[in-house]
Amino acid sequence: MASLSQTVVKLAQTHQISALNISGGEPMEQAVSLKAALTIIRHQGIHDILVYTGFWAKDLLERHDWLPDLVSALVDGPYEARNPSPEIFRGSTNQNLWLFDSTLASLYQTWSRQTKRQAQILALKCQIRLLGVLGPHDYEPVAAAIDQLASPPRDVSTGIDG
């Protein structure tokens, strides 16, 4: 069985992926495994790596000094539903974007000014994969994807523009 990092590298090579976002669950609760995976992924040529965490960067950097070497950017802070952010990279206004790779500054600067969220729902046989930052308007398409899974099996890809 292939490791997660091997799978990511294979997908990146097959589909010419040059960037990776890591979120959900809490990546930093598995910091040792995350560091090992990111070391392999970076070595294989994926250099734009964005990590989302509910922890504060200041606290993380005190414990994990390797972060700036393996992560291009970090969005820190817990999500607060009562303080939604219009920016696509933040779920709530209390979250911050930390840029560790200055060569990506113009890309992240442009990206951080965008306010149109995009998400993608993939319904594949017995699985649903949600990719991107989902907003409240995305729940109906998610329900539709679940309904499609109840139908005879087939692969469906649905793009959402929010």
C-alpha atoms as a PDB file:
ATOM      1  CA  MET A   1       0.000   0.000   0.000  1.00  0.00           C
ATOM      2  CA  ALA A   2       1.347   3.437  -0.974  1.00  0.00           C
ATOM      3  CA  SER A   3       1.926   6.077   1.675  1.00  0.00           C
ATOM      4  CA  LEU A   4       0.043   9.358   1.587  1.00  0.00           C
ATOM      5  CA  SER A   5       3.137  11.242   0.432  1.00  0.00           C
ATOM      6  CA  GLN A   6       3.757   8.675  -2.350  1.00  0.00           C
ATOM      7  CA  THR A   7       0.138   9.018  -3.489  1.00  0.00           C
ATOM      8  CA  VAL A   8       0.349  12.827  -3.520  1.00  0.00           C
ATOM      9  CA  VAL A   9       3.610  12.743  -5.482  1.00  0.00           C
ATOM     10  CA  LYS A  10       2.155  10.290  -8.024  1.00  0.00           C
ATOM     11  CA  LEU A  11      -0.980  12.427  -8.478  1.00  0.00           C
ATOM     12  CA  ALA A  12       1.129  15.569  -8.812  1.00  0.00           C
ATOM     13  CA  GLN A  13       3.302  13.991 -11.495  1.00  0.00           C
ATOM     14  CA  THR A  14       0.360  12.457 -13.364  1.00  0.00           C
ATOM     15  CA  HIS A  15      -1.778  15.598 -13.331  1.00  0.00           C
ATOM     16  CA  GLN A  16       0.991  18.248 -13.321  1.00  0.00           C
ATOM     17  CA  ILE A  17       0.004  19.585  -9.906  1.00  0.00           C
ATOM     18  CA  SER A  18       2.374  22.202  -8.521  1.00  0.00           C
ATOM     19  CA  ALA A  19       0.531  23.276  -5.367  1.00  0.00           C
ATOM     20  CA  LEU A  20      -0.973  21.510  -2.371  1.00  0.00           C
ATOM     21  CA  ASN A  21      -3.423  22.621   0.330  1.00  0.00           C
ATOM     22  CA  ILE A  22      -3.552  20.679   3.596  1.00  0.00           C
ATOM     23  CA  SER A  23      -6.497  21.163   5.922  1.00  0.00           C
ATOM     24  CA  GLY A  24      -9.269  19.495   7.813  1.00  0.00           C
ATOM     25  CA  GLY A  25      -8.933  17.405  10.754  1.00  0.00           C
ATOM     26  CA  GLU A  26      -6.021  19.201  12.302  1.00  0.00           C
ATOM     27  CA  PRO A  27      -2.777  18.648  10.410  1.00  0.00           C
ATOM     28  CA  MET A  28      -0.625  19.927  13.280  1.00  0.00           C
ATOM     29  CA  GLU A  29      -1.950  17.251  15.646  1.00  0.00           C
ATOM     30  CA  GLN A  30       0.081  14.874  13.473  1.00  0.00           C
ATOM     31  CA  ALA A  31       3.134  17.111  13.177  1.00  0.00           C
ATOM     32  CA  VAL A  32       5.725  14.301  12.989  1.00  0.00           C
ATOM     33  CA  SER A  33       3.895  12.564  10.130  1.00  0.00           C
ATOM     34  CA  LEU A  34       3.148  15.875   8.447  1.00  0.00           C
ATOM     35  CA  LYS A  35       6.831  16.852   8.523  1.00  0.00           C
ATOM     36  CA  ALA A  36       7.855  13.487   7.038  1.00  0.00           C
ATOM     37  CA  ALA A  37       5.246  13.713   4.268  1.00  0.00           C
ATOM     38  CA  LEU A  38       6.069  17.336   3.437  1.00  0.00           C
ATOM     39  CA  THR A  39       9.779  16.544   3.251  1.00  0.00           C
ATOM     40  CA  ILE A  40       9.091  13.906   0.585  1.00  0.00           C
ATOM     41  CA  ILE A  41       6.531  16.051  -1.260  1.00  0.00           C
ATOM     42  CA  ARG A  42       8.881  19.068  -1.350  1.00  0.00           C
ATOM     43  CA  HIS A  43      11.764  16.902  -2.539  1.00  0.00           C
ATOM     44  CA  GLN A  44       9.601  15.745  -5.447  1.00  0.00           C
ATOM     45  CA  GLY A  45       8.994  19.286  -6.676  1.00  0.00           C
ATOM     46  CA  ILE A  46       5.799  20.566  -5.077  1.00  0.00           C
ATOM     47  CA  HIS A  47       6.881  23.881  -3.604  1.00  0.00           C
ATOM     48  CA  ASP A  48       3.613  25.774  -3.072  1.00  0.00           C
ATOM     49  CA  ILE A  49       2.212  24.155   0.067  1.00  0.00           C
ATOM     50  CA  LEU A  50      -0.530  25.899   2.055  1.00  0.00           C
ATOM     51  CA  VAL A  51      -1.506  24.500   5.450  1.00  0.00           C
ATOM     52  CA  TYR A  52      -4.667  25.419   7.360  1.00  0.00           C
ATOM     53  CA  THR A  53      -4.585  25.024  11.132  1.00  0.00           C
ATOM     54  CA  GLY A  54      -6.758  25.994  14.056  1.00  0.00           C
ATOM     55  CA  PHE A  55      -3.646  26.727  16.118  1.00  0.00           C
ATOM     56  CA  TRP A  56      -1.875  30.095  16.164  1.00  0.00           C
ATOM     57  CA  ALA A  57       1.308  30.342  14.098  1.00  0.00           C
ATOM     58  CA  LYS A  58       3.264  31.957  16.931  1.00  0.00           C
ATOM     59  CA  ASP A  59       2.665  28.905  19.139  1.00  0.00           C
ATOM     60  CA  LEU A  60       3.358  26.447  16.316  1.00  0.00           C
ATOM     61  CA  LEU A  61       6.634  28.088  15.324  1.00  0.00           C
ATOM     62  CA  GLU A  62       7.928  27.780  18.882  1.00  0.00           C
ATOM     63  CA  ARG A  63       7.390  23.998  18.764  1.00  0.00           C
ATOM     64  CA  HIS A  64       7.934  23.267  15.058  1.00  0.00           C
ATOM     65  CA  ASP A  65      10.796  25.340  13.701  1.00  0.00           C
ATOM     66  CA  TRP A  66      10.711  23.295  10.457  1.00  0.00           C
ATOM     67  CA  LEU A  67       7.413  24.854   9.302  1.00  0.00           C
ATOM     68  CA  PRO A  68       8.885  27.778   7.310  1.00  0.00           C
ATOM     69  CA  ASP A  69      11.204  25.376   5.467  1.00  0.00           C
ATOM     70  CA  LEU A  70       8.478  22.945   4.395  1.00  0.00           C
ATOM     71  CA  VAL A  71       5.340  25.100   4.213  1.00  0.00           C
ATOM     72  CA  SER A  72       4.964  28.012   1.791  1.00  0.00           C
ATOM     73  CA  ALA A  73       2.052  29.598   3.618  1.00  0.00           C
ATOM     74  CA  LEU A  74      -0.020  28.963   6.712  1.00  0.00           C
ATOM     75  CA  VAL A  75      -3.542  30.085   7.604  1.00  0.00           C
ATOM     76  CA  ASP A  76      -3.795  30.042  11.379  1.00  0.00           C
ATOM     77  CA  GLY A  77      -6.497  30.379  13.994  1.00  0.00           C
ATOM     78  CA  PRO A  78      -9.738  28.592  14.776  1.00  0.00           C
ATOM     79  CA  TYR A  79     -12.703  29.047  12.456  1.00  0.00           C
ATOM     80  CA  GLU A  80     -15.348  31.334  13.966  1.00  0.00           C
ATOM     81  CA  ALA A  81     -18.729  30.982  12.236  1.00  0.00           C
ATOM     82  CA  ARG A  82     -19.953  34.269  13.778  1.00  0.00           C
ATOM     83  CA  ASN A  83     -17.135  36.188  12.017  1.00  0.00           C
ATOM     84  CA  PRO A  84     -17.164  35.046   8.364  1.00  0.00           C
ATOM     85  CA  SER A  85     -14.489  36.457   6.079  1.00  0.00           C
ATOM     86  CA  PRO A  86     -15.210  37.516   2.497  1.00  0.00           C
ATOM     87  CA  GLU A  87     -11.639  36.591   1.511  1.00  0.00           C
ATOM     88  CA  ILE A  88     -11.300  33.205  -0.151  1.00  0.00           C
ATOM     89  CA  PHE A  89      -8.334  32.021   1.884  1.00  0.00           C
ATOM     90  CA  ARG A  90      -9.870  32.680   5.297  1.00  0.00           C
ATOM     91  CA  GLY A  91     -13.013  31.166   6.720  1.00  0.00           C
ATOM     92  CA  SER A  92     -13.304  33.810   9.438  1.00  0.00           C
ATOM     93  CA  THR A  93     -11.839  37.251  10.058  1.00  0.00           C
ATOM     94  CA  ASN A  94      -9.705  36.129  13.024  1.00  0.00           C
ATOM     95  CA  GLN A  95      -7.560  33.909  10.796  1.00  0.00           C
ATOM     96  CA  ASN A  96      -4.212  35.124   9.409  1.00  0.00           C
ATOM     97  CA  LEU A  97      -2.173  34.264   6.337  1.00  0.00           C
ATOM     98  CA  TRP A  98       1.522  33.701   7.076  1.00  0.00           C
ATOM     99  CA  LEU A  99       3.711  33.656   3.966  1.00  0.00           C
ATOM    100  CA  PHE A 100       7.011  31.820   4.484  1.00  0.00           C
ATOM    101  CA  ASP A 101       8.116  31.610   0.824  1.00  0.00           C
ATOM    102  CA  SER A 102       8.720  35.138  -0.458  1.00  0.00           C
ATOM    103  CA  THR A 103       8.970  33.902  -4.065  1.00  0.00           C
ATOM    104  CA  LEU A 104       5.208  33.290  -3.928  1.00  0.00           C
ATOM    105  CA  ALA A 105       4.356  36.754  -2.542  1.00  0.00           C
ATOM    106  CA  SER A 106       2.741  38.137  -5.706  1.00  0.00           C
ATOM    107  CA  LEU A 107       0.698  34.960  -6.208  1.00  0.00           C
ATOM    108  CA  TYR A 108      -0.634  34.983  -2.643  1.00  0.00           C
ATOM    109  CA  GLN A 109      -1.172  38.738  -2.724  1.00  0.00           C
ATOM    110  CA  THR A 110      -3.334  38.413  -5.846  1.00  0.00           C
ATOM    111  CA  TRP A 111      -5.123  35.386  -4.439  1.00  0.00           C
ATOM    112  CA  SER A 112      -5.824  37.048  -1.083  1.00  0.00           C
ATOM    113  CA  ARG A 113      -7.677  39.918  -2.787  1.00  0.00           C
ATOM    114  CA  GLN A 114     -10.153  37.566  -4.440  1.00  0.00           C
ATOM    115  CA  THR A 115     -13.544  37.205  -2.808  1.00  0.00           C
ATOM    116  CA  LYS A 116     -15.234  34.683  -5.110  1.00  0.00           C
ATOM    117  CA  ARG A 117     -15.039  31.277  -3.464  1.00  0.00           C
ATOM    118  CA  GLN A 118     -14.801  28.171  -5.594  1.00  0.00           C
ATOM    119  CA  ALA A 119     -15.419  24.643  -4.496  1.00  0.00           C
ATOM    120  CA  GLN A 120     -15.621  21.340  -6.268  1.00  0.00           C
ATOM    121  CA  ILE A 121     -17.678  18.309  -5.362  1.00  0.00           C
ATOM    122  CA  LEU A 122     -16.612  14.929  -6.669  1.00  0.00           C
ATOM    123  CA  ALA A 123     -19.036  12.042  -6.285  1.00  0.00           C
ATOM    124  CA  LEU A 124     -17.055   8.888  -7.083  1.00  0.00           C
ATOM    125  CA  LYS A 125     -18.762   5.545  -6.668  1.00  0.00           C
ATOM    126  CA  CYS A 126     -19.175   5.320  -2.872  1.00  0.00           C
ATOM    127  CA  GLN A 127     -17.298   8.494  -1.926  1.00  0.00           C
ATOM    128  CA  ILE A 128     -17.880  12.220  -1.899  1.00  0.00           C
ATOM    129  CA  ARG A 129     -14.841  14.489  -1.927  1.00  0.00           C
ATOM    130  CA  LEU A 130     -15.261  18.185  -1.157  1.00  0.00           C
ATOM    131  CA  LEU A 131     -12.399  20.318  -2.477  1.00  0.00           C
ATOM    132  CA  GLY A 132     -11.898  24.004  -1.852  1.00  0.00           C
ATOM    133  CA  VAL A 133     -13.416  26.360   0.663  1.00  0.00           C
ATOM    134  CA  LEU A 134     -17.121  25.676   0.943  1.00  0.00           C
ATOM    135  CA  GLY A 135     -19.587  28.430   1.728  1.00  0.00           C
ATOM    136  CA  PRO A 136     -23.196  28.297   2.947  1.00  0.00           C
ATOM    137  CA  HIS A 137     -24.419  28.344  -0.680  1.00  0.00           C
ATOM    138  CA  ASP A 138     -22.624  25.043  -1.356  1.00  0.00           C
ATOM    139  CA  TYR A 139     -24.880  22.849   0.777  1.00  0.00           C
ATOM    140  CA  GLU A 140     -27.553  22.288  -1.894  1.00  0.00           C
ATOM    141  CA  PRO A 141     -24.986  20.967  -4.421  1.00  0.00           C
ATOM    142  CA  VAL A 142     -23.546  18.727  -1.686  1.00  0.00           C
ATOM    143  CA  ALA A 143     -27.031  17.325  -1.048  1.00  0.00           C
ATOM    144  CA  ALA A 144     -27.435  16.793  -4.819  1.00  0.00           C
ATOM    145  CA  ALA A 145     -24.129  14.867  -4.935  1.00  0.00           C
ATOM    146  CA  ILE A 146     -25.307  12.675  -2.060  1.00  0.00           C
ATOM    147  CA  ASP A 147     -28.569  12.021  -3.929  1.00  0.00           C
ATOM    148  CA  GLN A 148     -26.544  11.029  -7.003  1.00  0.00           C
ATOM    149  CA  LEU A 149     -24.751   8.420  -4.922  1.00  0.00           C
ATOM    150  CA  ALA A 150     -28.114   6.872  -4.094  1.00  0.00           C
ATOM    151  CA  SER A 151     -28.676   6.408  -7.855  1.00  0.00           C
ATOM    152  CA  PRO A 152     -27.031   3.629  -9.883  1.00  0.00           C
ATOM    153  CA  PRO A 153     -23.212   3.907  -9.603  1.00  0.00           C
ATOM    154  CA  ARG A 154     -21.407   6.268 -11.963  1.00  0.00           C
ATOM    155  CA  ASP A 155     -18.640   8.865 -11.690  1.00  0.00           C
ATOM    156  CA  VAL A 156     -19.814  12.459 -11.546  1.00  0.00           C
ATOM    157  CA  SER A 157     -17.808  15.663 -11.317  1.00  0.00           C
ATOM    158  CA  THR A 158     -19.633  18.860 -10.412  1.00  0.00           C
ATOM    159  CA  GLY A 159     -18.000  22.269 -10.306  1.00  0.00           C
ATOM    160  CA  ILE A 160     -19.410  24.975  -8.063  1.00  0.00           C
ATOM    161  CA  ASP A 161     -18.834  28.680  -8.503  1.00  0.00           C
ATOM    162  CA  GLY A 162     -19.818  30.661  -5.447  1.00  0.00           C
END
